[in-house]
């Protein structure tokens, strides 16, 4: 049995033959991605869109927390979806790295 990120238990058929799964990211690649993440501006990041999240000014990405802010980002030519994607990437990439490592471990143990 496997557990999904949401905690749901998933049934898995065990194959007696060679695993059909393949590791897509090596640990070296994950460390490189993690290094880029750690060297980026501190988080969390949050998109603030004029008319949606605040009333006046331009769209921007706030970095840090309300009480410990970093520099804001303004991205020229970006759509609202671009702002939301980029702002969430800081948090999403960290979760994705953890999940890839968990899945890599399962693949290694299934072979």
C-alpha atoms as a PDB file:
ATOM      1  CA  UNK A   1       0.000   0.000   0.000  1.00  0.00           C
ATOM      2  CA  UNK A   2       1.131   3.538  -0.733  1.00  0.00           C
ATOM      3  CA  UNK A   3       0.003   6.789   0.818  1.00  0.00           C
ATOM      4  CA  UNK A   4      -0.774   9.832  -1.323  1.00  0.00           C
ATOM      5  CA  UNK A   5       0.195  13.368  -0.296  1.00  0.00           C
ATOM      6  CA  UNK A   6      -3.372  13.898   0.929  1.00  0.00           C
ATOM      7  CA  UNK A   7      -3.045  10.830   3.193  1.00  0.00           C
ATOM      8  CA  UNK A   8      -5.237   8.607   1.030  1.00  0.00           C
ATOM      9  CA  UNK A   9      -4.194   4.931   0.987  1.00  0.00           C
ATOM     10  CA  UNK A  10      -3.587   3.614  -2.504  1.00  0.00           C
ATOM     11  CA  UNK A  11      -3.569  -0.052  -3.488  1.00  0.00           C
ATOM     12  CA  UNK A  12      -0.550  -1.073  -5.558  1.00  0.00           C
ATOM     13  CA  UNK A  13      -0.022  -4.290  -7.442  1.00  0.00           C
ATOM     14  CA  UNK A  14       3.440  -5.704  -6.771  1.00  0.00           C
ATOM     15  CA  UNK A  15       5.263  -6.988  -9.836  1.00  0.00           C
ATOM     16  CA  UNK A  16       7.661  -9.901  -9.386  1.00  0.00           C
ATOM     17  CA  UNK A  17       9.579  -8.824 -12.473  1.00  0.00           C
ATOM     18  CA  UNK A  18      11.877  -5.848 -12.903  1.00  0.00           C
ATOM     19  CA  UNK A  19      10.268  -2.584 -11.820  1.00  0.00           C
ATOM     20  CA  UNK A  20       8.425  -0.740 -14.583  1.00  0.00           C
ATOM     21  CA  UNK A  21       9.153   2.572 -12.874  1.00  0.00           C
ATOM     22  CA  UNK A  22      12.164   4.727 -13.596  1.00  0.00           C
ATOM     23  CA  UNK A  23      13.816   7.451 -11.521  1.00  0.00           C
ATOM     24  CA  UNK A  24      13.348  10.690 -13.438  1.00  0.00           C
ATOM     25  CA  UNK A  25      15.511  12.942 -11.240  1.00  0.00           C
ATOM     26  CA  UNK A  26      18.793  11.803  -9.745  1.00  0.00           C
ATOM     27  CA  UNK A  27      19.743  12.932  -6.248  1.00  0.00           C
ATOM     28  CA  UNK A  28      22.408  15.146  -7.846  1.00  0.00           C
ATOM     29  CA  UNK A  29      19.748  16.891  -9.944  1.00  0.00           C
ATOM     30  CA  UNK A  30      17.483  17.293  -6.911  1.00  0.00           C
ATOM     31  CA  UNK A  31      20.359  18.823  -4.949  1.00  0.00           C
ATOM     32  CA  UNK A  32      20.996  21.300  -7.789  1.00  0.00           C
ATOM     33  CA  UNK A  33      17.308  22.316  -7.840  1.00  0.00           C
ATOM     34  CA  UNK A  34      17.291  22.539  -4.054  1.00  0.00           C
ATOM     35  CA  UNK A  35      20.401  24.734  -4.167  1.00  0.00           C
ATOM     36  CA  UNK A  36      18.705  27.142  -6.597  1.00  0.00           C
ATOM     37  CA  UNK A  37      15.676  27.204  -4.315  1.00  0.00           C
ATOM     38  CA  UNK A  38      17.765  27.945  -1.210  1.00  0.00           C
ATOM     39  CA  UNK A  39      19.680  30.709  -3.020  1.00  0.00           C
ATOM     40  CA  UNK A  40      16.542  32.472  -4.204  1.00  0.00           C
ATOM     41  CA  UNK A  41      14.949  35.333  -2.256  1.00  0.00           C
ATOM     42  CA  UNK A  42      13.522  34.208   1.089  1.00  0.00           C
ATOM     43  CA  UNK A  43       9.906  33.138   1.161  1.00  0.00           C
ATOM     44  CA  UNK A  44       7.141  32.706   1.297  1.00  0.00           C
ATOM     45  CA  UNK A  45       6.236  34.482  -1.915  1.00  0.00           C
ATOM     46  CA  UNK A  46       2.729  35.823  -2.543  1.00  0.00           C
ATOM     47  CA  UNK A  47       1.285  37.534  -5.608  1.00  0.00           C
ATOM     48  CA  UNK A  48      -0.539  40.804  -4.999  1.00  0.00           C
ATOM     49  CA  UNK A  49      -2.724  41.742  -7.944  1.00  0.00           C
ATOM     50  CA  UNK A  50      -4.216  45.231  -8.217  1.00  0.00           C
ATOM     51  CA  UNK A  51      -8.002  45.026  -7.896  1.00  0.00           C
ATOM     52  CA  UNK A  52      -7.869  41.497  -6.498  1.00  0.00           C
ATOM     53  CA  UNK A  53      -5.505  41.725  -3.518  1.00  0.00           C
ATOM     54  CA  UNK A  54      -5.052  45.474  -3.089  1.00  0.00           C
ATOM     55  CA  UNK A  55      -6.685  48.649  -4.390  1.00  0.00           C
ATOM     56  CA  UNK A  56      -3.953  50.821  -5.832  1.00  0.00           C
ATOM     57  CA  UNK A  57      -0.477  50.477  -7.255  1.00  0.00           C
ATOM     58  CA  UNK A  58       0.863  47.797  -9.529  1.00  0.00           C
ATOM     59  CA  UNK A  59       0.948  44.004  -9.443  1.00  0.00           C
ATOM     60  CA  UNK A  60       3.877  42.592  -7.475  1.00  0.00           C
ATOM     61  CA  UNK A  61       5.161  39.538  -5.635  1.00  0.00           C
ATOM     62  CA  UNK A  62       5.747  40.070  -1.934  1.00  0.00           C
ATOM     63  CA  UNK A  63       8.628  38.091  -0.457  1.00  0.00           C
ATOM     64  CA  UNK A  64       8.974  37.137   3.183  1.00  0.00           C
ATOM     65  CA  UNK A  65       6.260  37.607   5.750  1.00  0.00           C
ATOM     66  CA  UNK A  66       4.223  40.661   6.730  1.00  0.00           C
ATOM     67  CA  UNK A  67       6.585  41.250   9.675  1.00  0.00           C
ATOM     68  CA  UNK A  68       9.839  40.218   7.952  1.00  0.00           C
ATOM     69  CA  UNK A  69       9.557  41.368   4.342  1.00  0.00           C
ATOM     70  CA  UNK A  70      12.095  41.100   1.612  1.00  0.00           C
ATOM     71  CA  UNK A  71      12.210  43.045  -1.651  1.00  0.00           C
ATOM     72  CA  UNK A  72       9.041  43.008  -3.753  1.00  0.00           C
ATOM     73  CA  UNK A  73       9.215  41.743  -7.358  1.00  0.00           C
ATOM     74  CA  UNK A  74       7.525  43.496 -10.235  1.00  0.00           C
ATOM     75  CA  UNK A  75       7.465  41.611 -13.512  1.00  0.00           C
ATOM     76  CA  UNK A  76       6.848  43.598 -16.685  1.00  0.00           C
ATOM     77  CA  UNK A  77       4.716  41.887 -19.291  1.00  0.00           C
ATOM     78  CA  UNK A  78       3.534  39.142 -16.916  1.00  0.00           C
ATOM     79  CA  UNK A  79      -0.087  38.042 -16.825  1.00  0.00           C
ATOM     80  CA  UNK A  80      -1.977  37.530 -13.569  1.00  0.00           C
ATOM     81  CA  UNK A  81      -1.536  33.772 -14.092  1.00  0.00           C
ATOM     82  CA  UNK A  82       2.229  34.317 -14.488  1.00  0.00           C
ATOM     83  CA  UNK A  83       2.332  36.215 -11.181  1.00  0.00           C
ATOM     84  CA  UNK A  84       0.380  33.479  -9.399  1.00  0.00           C
ATOM     85  CA  UNK A  85       2.543  30.720 -10.898  1.00  0.00           C
ATOM     86  CA  UNK A  86       5.859  32.395 -10.086  1.00  0.00           C
ATOM     87  CA  UNK A  87       4.779  33.372  -6.571  1.00  0.00           C
ATOM     88  CA  UNK A  88       3.654  29.824  -5.774  1.00  0.00           C
ATOM     89  CA  UNK A  89       6.754  28.230  -7.317  1.00  0.00           C
ATOM     90  CA  UNK A  90       8.835  29.072  -4.214  1.00  0.00           C
ATOM     91  CA  UNK A  91       6.596  26.926  -2.023  1.00  0.00           C
ATOM     92  CA  UNK A  92       5.610  24.336  -4.666  1.00  0.00           C
ATOM     93  CA  UNK A  93       9.154  23.396  -5.696  1.00  0.00           C
ATOM     94  CA  UNK A  94      10.091  22.552  -2.104  1.00  0.00           C
ATOM     95  CA  UNK A  95       7.091  20.204  -1.817  1.00  0.00           C
ATOM     96  CA  UNK A  96       7.810  18.650  -5.200  1.00  0.00           C
ATOM     97  CA  UNK A  97      11.423  17.892  -4.256  1.00  0.00           C
ATOM     98  CA  UNK A  98      10.226  16.100  -1.108  1.00  0.00           C
ATOM     99  CA  UNK A  99       7.686  14.084  -3.104  1.00  0.00           C
ATOM    100  CA  UNK A 100      10.214  13.109  -5.792  1.00  0.00           C
ATOM    101  CA  UNK A 101      12.603  11.880  -3.090  1.00  0.00           C
ATOM    102  CA  UNK A 102       9.809   9.856  -1.480  1.00  0.00           C
ATOM    103  CA  UNK A 103       8.885   8.301  -4.826  1.00  0.00           C
ATOM    104  CA  UNK A 104      12.540   7.611  -5.702  1.00  0.00           C
ATOM    105  CA  UNK A 105      12.860   5.729  -2.437  1.00  0.00           C
ATOM    106  CA  UNK A 106       9.813   3.617  -3.278  1.00  0.00           C
ATOM    107  CA  UNK A 107      11.176   2.876  -6.756  1.00  0.00           C
ATOM    108  CA  UNK A 108      14.557   1.819  -5.348  1.00  0.00           C
ATOM    109  CA  UNK A 109      12.851  -0.538  -2.884  1.00  0.00           C
ATOM    110  CA  UNK A 110      10.628  -2.057  -5.592  1.00  0.00           C
ATOM    111  CA  UNK A 111      13.513  -3.240  -7.777  1.00  0.00           C
END
